[in-house]
Amino acid sequence: MNWYKKAQINNGKVKYGPDGSFFILGRNTKPGEGPWRISYFDTNGKGYVHRDFPTYRDALAIFNSTFGKEGEPDSNWEEAKEFALV
């Protein structure tokens, strides 16, 4: 199961960038890291970096300051790209 699906299962929030990239704020399932994470995905939907946070509040502050539009986490890749360009 990929990070995108894990973030959806963990009630993730998704923000889509105008270039088709996207960011997910969700519960972190990786042992030894903070309980919250933001995962960054490139324009091809490939995860390229993540950052963990000790609190939801900390993660949400960064997520909210990230450029893009918040959307539905269950959008497929084509829907996500169309949403970001609206």
N, C-alpha and C. Protein backbone atom coordinates (compact mmCIF):
# COMPACT_ATOMS: atom_id res chain seq x y z
N MET A 1 0.85 -1.18 0.00
CA MET A 1 0.00 0.00 0.00
C MET A 1 0.89 1.25 0.00
N ASN A 2 0.59 2.22 -0.88
CA ASN A 2 1.44 3.40 -0.98
C ASN A 2 1.11 4.45 0.09
N TRP A 3 1.96 5.47 0.19
CA TRP A 3 1.77 6.51 1.22
C TRP A 3 0.47 7.26 1.03
N TYR A 4 0.09 7.47 -0.22
CA TYR A 4 -1.13 8.20 -0.49
C TYR A 4 -2.34 7.46 0.10
N LYS A 5 -2.41 6.16 -0.13
CA LYS A 5 -3.52 5.38 0.42
C LYS A 5 -3.46 5.33 1.94
N LYS A 6 -2.27 5.21 2.50
CA LYS A 6 -2.15 5.20 3.97
C LYS A 6 -2.64 6.51 4.55
N ALA A 7 -2.31 7.63 3.91
CA ALA A 7 -2.74 8.94 4.40
C ALA A 7 -4.26 9.06 4.30
N GLN A 8 -4.86 8.51 3.26
CA GLN A 8 -6.32 8.55 3.15
C GLN A 8 -6.94 7.77 4.30
N ILE A 9 -6.42 6.59 4.56
CA ILE A 9 -6.95 5.75 5.64
C ILE A 9 -6.82 6.45 6.98
N ASN A 10 -5.78 7.23 7.14
CA ASN A 10 -5.54 7.94 8.39
C ASN A 10 -6.16 9.34 8.39
N ASN A 11 -7.26 9.49 7.69
CA ASN A 11 -7.99 10.77 7.64
C ASN A 11 -7.13 11.93 7.17
N GLY A 12 -6.33 11.69 6.16
CA GLY A 12 -5.44 12.72 5.65
C GLY A 12 -6.16 13.87 4.98
N LYS A 13 -5.50 15.03 4.98
CA LYS A 13 -5.95 16.20 4.24
C LYS A 13 -5.01 16.34 3.06
N VAL A 14 -5.54 16.72 1.91
CA VAL A 14 -4.73 16.82 0.71
C VAL A 14 -4.80 18.23 0.15
N LYS A 15 -3.67 18.73 -0.29
CA LYS A 15 -3.60 20.02 -0.96
C LYS A 15 -2.91 19.79 -2.30
N TYR A 16 -3.54 20.30 -3.38
CA TYR A 16 -3.04 20.11 -4.73
C TYR A 16 -2.38 21.39 -5.22
N GLY A 17 -1.17 21.27 -5.75
CA GLY A 17 -0.47 22.41 -6.32
C GLY A 17 -0.90 22.65 -7.75
N PRO A 18 -0.70 23.86 -8.26
CA PRO A 18 -1.12 24.18 -9.63
C PRO A 18 -0.37 23.42 -10.70
N ASP A 19 0.77 22.84 -10.35
CA ASP A 19 1.56 22.07 -11.31
C ASP A 19 1.22 20.59 -11.30
N GLY A 20 0.25 20.17 -10.46
CA GLY A 20 -0.13 18.77 -10.38
C GLY A 20 0.53 18.03 -9.23
N SER A 21 1.43 18.69 -8.51
CA SER A 21 2.01 18.06 -7.32
C SER A 21 0.96 18.11 -6.20
N PHE A 22 1.17 17.31 -5.15
CA PHE A 22 0.23 17.38 -4.04
C PHE A 22 0.92 17.05 -2.73
N PHE A 23 0.26 17.45 -1.65
CA PHE A 23 0.79 17.33 -0.29
C PHE A 23 -0.27 16.68 0.57
N ILE A 24 0.13 15.78 1.43
CA ILE A 24 -0.81 15.11 2.32
C ILE A 24 -0.39 15.29 3.76
N LEU A 25 -1.33 15.75 4.57
CA LEU A 25 -1.15 15.80 6.02
C LEU A 25 -1.91 14.62 6.58
N GLY A 26 -1.22 13.75 7.30
CA GLY A 26 -1.90 12.58 7.85
C GLY A 26 -1.14 12.00 9.02
N ARG A 27 -1.74 10.99 9.62
CA ARG A 27 -1.10 10.27 10.72
C ARG A 27 0.12 9.54 10.17
N ASN A 28 1.19 9.59 10.93
CA ASN A 28 2.41 8.91 10.53
C ASN A 28 2.39 7.49 11.06
N THR A 29 2.64 6.54 10.19
CA THR A 29 2.66 5.13 10.58
C THR A 29 4.07 4.59 10.76
N LYS A 30 5.07 5.43 10.52
CA LYS A 30 6.45 4.97 10.60
C LYS A 30 6.96 5.04 12.04
N PRO A 31 7.40 3.92 12.60
CA PRO A 31 7.92 3.92 13.98
C PRO A 31 9.15 4.82 14.12
N GLY A 32 9.27 5.46 15.26
CA GLY A 32 10.44 6.28 15.55
C GLY A 32 10.36 7.70 15.02
N GLU A 33 9.22 8.07 14.43
CA GLU A 33 9.02 9.43 13.94
C GLU A 33 7.84 10.05 14.65
N GLY A 34 7.66 11.35 14.47
CA GLY A 34 6.52 12.04 15.08
C GLY A 34 5.21 11.46 14.61
N PRO A 35 4.15 11.66 15.36
CA PRO A 35 2.86 11.05 15.03
C PRO A 35 2.13 11.66 13.84
N TRP A 36 2.62 12.80 13.34
CA TRP A 36 2.00 13.45 12.18
C TRP A 36 3.05 13.67 11.10
N ARG A 37 2.62 13.64 9.85
CA ARG A 37 3.57 13.84 8.76
C ARG A 37 2.90 14.59 7.62
N ILE A 38 3.74 15.31 6.87
CA ILE A 38 3.33 15.87 5.59
C ILE A 38 4.19 15.17 4.55
N SER A 39 3.52 14.56 3.58
CA SER A 39 4.20 13.88 2.48
C SER A 39 4.01 14.73 1.23
N TYR A 40 5.08 14.88 0.46
CA TYR A 40 5.07 15.68 -0.76
C TYR A 40 5.21 14.75 -1.96
N PHE A 41 4.34 14.93 -2.94
CA PHE A 41 4.35 14.10 -4.14
C PHE A 41 4.56 14.97 -5.37
N ASP A 42 5.38 14.49 -6.30
CA ASP A 42 5.67 15.28 -7.49
C ASP A 42 4.52 15.21 -8.49
N THR A 43 4.71 15.82 -9.64
CA THR A 43 3.65 15.91 -10.65
C THR A 43 3.28 14.56 -11.25
N ASN A 44 4.10 13.55 -11.04
CA ASN A 44 3.78 12.19 -11.51
C ASN A 44 3.17 11.34 -10.42
N GLY A 45 2.91 11.93 -9.24
CA GLY A 45 2.33 11.19 -8.13
C GLY A 45 3.33 10.37 -7.35
N LYS A 46 4.62 10.59 -7.59
CA LYS A 46 5.66 9.84 -6.89
C LYS A 46 6.08 10.63 -5.65
N GLY A 47 6.05 9.96 -4.49
CA GLY A 47 6.48 10.60 -3.25
C GLY A 47 7.96 10.93 -3.30
N TYR A 48 8.32 12.15 -2.89
CA TYR A 48 9.74 12.48 -2.94
C TYR A 48 10.30 12.96 -1.62
N VAL A 49 9.48 13.33 -0.66
CA VAL A 49 10.00 13.69 0.66
C VAL A 49 8.84 13.71 1.65
N HIS A 50 9.18 13.50 2.92
CA HIS A 50 8.17 13.68 3.95
C HIS A 50 8.83 14.34 5.15
N ARG A 51 8.01 14.95 5.96
CA ARG A 51 8.49 15.61 7.17
C ARG A 51 7.55 15.24 8.30
N ASP A 52 8.11 14.81 9.41
CA ASP A 52 7.26 14.43 10.53
C ASP A 52 7.20 15.56 11.56
N PHE A 53 6.12 15.56 12.35
CA PHE A 53 5.85 16.61 13.32
C PHE A 53 5.39 16.00 14.64
N PRO A 54 5.71 16.66 15.76
CA PRO A 54 5.31 16.12 17.06
C PRO A 54 3.83 16.32 17.38
N THR A 55 3.20 17.34 16.77
CA THR A 55 1.78 17.60 17.04
C THR A 55 1.03 17.89 15.75
N TYR A 56 -0.27 17.67 15.80
CA TYR A 56 -1.13 17.99 14.66
C TYR A 56 -1.10 19.49 14.40
N ARG A 57 -1.10 20.27 15.44
CA ARG A 57 -1.07 21.73 15.31
C ARG A 57 0.16 22.20 14.52
N ASP A 58 1.32 21.64 14.83
CA ASP A 58 2.54 21.99 14.11
C ASP A 58 2.44 21.62 12.63
N ALA A 59 1.96 20.41 12.37
CA ALA A 59 1.83 19.93 11.00
C ALA A 59 0.80 20.77 10.23
N LEU A 60 -0.31 21.09 10.88
CA LEU A 60 -1.36 21.86 10.23
C LEU A 60 -0.88 23.27 9.86
N ALA A 61 -0.08 23.88 10.72
CA ALA A 61 0.44 25.22 10.42
C ALA A 61 1.27 25.21 9.14
N ILE A 62 2.11 24.20 8.97
CA ILE A 62 2.92 24.09 7.75
C ILE A 62 2.04 23.75 6.55
N PHE A 63 1.12 22.81 6.74
CA PHE A 63 0.21 22.42 5.66
C PHE A 63 -0.58 23.63 5.15
N ASN A 64 -1.11 24.42 6.07
CA ASN A 64 -1.91 25.59 5.69
C ASN A 64 -1.09 26.66 4.99
N SER A 65 0.21 26.71 5.25
CA SER A 65 1.05 27.71 4.61
C SER A 65 1.62 27.23 3.27
N THR A 66 1.37 25.97 2.93
CA THR A 66 1.83 25.41 1.66
C THR A 66 0.92 25.88 0.54
N PHE A 67 1.50 26.33 -0.57
CA PHE A 67 0.72 26.83 -1.70
C PHE A 67 -0.07 25.72 -2.35
N GLY A 68 -1.33 25.98 -2.67
CA GLY A 68 -2.19 25.03 -3.36
C GLY A 68 -3.61 25.13 -2.86
N LYS A 69 -4.46 24.23 -3.37
CA LYS A 69 -5.86 24.18 -2.98
C LYS A 69 -6.15 22.86 -2.29
N GLU A 70 -6.87 22.94 -1.17
CA GLU A 70 -7.24 21.72 -0.46
C GLU A 70 -8.37 21.03 -1.21
N GLY A 71 -8.32 19.71 -1.27
CA GLY A 71 -9.34 18.95 -1.99
C GLY A 71 -9.61 17.62 -1.33
N GLU A 72 -10.41 16.82 -2.00
CA GLU A 72 -10.80 15.51 -1.49
C GLU A 72 -9.63 14.53 -1.57
N PRO A 73 -9.38 13.79 -0.48
CA PRO A 73 -8.26 12.85 -0.51
C PRO A 73 -8.46 11.65 -1.41
N ASP A 74 -9.71 11.38 -1.79
CA ASP A 74 -9.93 10.20 -2.63
C ASP A 74 -10.01 10.52 -4.12
N SER A 75 -9.60 11.74 -4.50
CA SER A 75 -9.54 12.07 -5.93
C SER A 75 -8.51 11.17 -6.61
N ASN A 76 -8.82 10.75 -7.83
CA ASN A 76 -7.80 10.01 -8.56
C ASN A 76 -6.83 11.03 -9.17
N TRP A 77 -5.77 10.56 -9.79
CA TRP A 77 -4.71 11.46 -10.24
C TRP A 77 -5.21 12.47 -11.26
N GLU A 78 -6.03 12.05 -12.20
CA GLU A 78 -6.54 12.98 -13.22
C GLU A 78 -7.45 14.03 -12.58
N GLU A 79 -8.32 13.62 -11.67
CA GLU A 79 -9.19 14.58 -10.98
C GLU A 79 -8.36 15.57 -10.18
N ALA A 80 -7.31 15.10 -9.55
CA ALA A 80 -6.46 15.95 -8.73
C ALA A 80 -5.81 17.03 -9.59
N LYS A 81 -5.33 16.66 -10.76
CA LYS A 81 -4.69 17.63 -11.64
C LYS A 81 -5.71 18.67 -12.12
N GLU A 82 -6.91 18.21 -12.48
CA GLU A 82 -7.94 19.14 -12.93
C GLU A 82 -8.35 20.08 -11.81
N PHE A 83 -8.48 19.58 -10.60
CA PHE A 83 -8.87 20.40 -9.46
C PHE A 83 -7.85 21.49 -9.21
N ALA A 84 -6.58 21.15 -9.28
CA ALA A 84 -5.51 22.11 -8.99
C ALA A 84 -5.47 23.23 -10.02
N LEU A 85 -5.90 22.96 -11.22
CA LEU A 85 -5.82 23.96 -12.28
C LEU A 85 -7.04 24.87 -12.35
N VAL A 86 -8.07 24.59 -11.58
CA VAL A 86 -9.30 25.40 -11.58
C VAL A 86 -9.06 26.72 -10.89
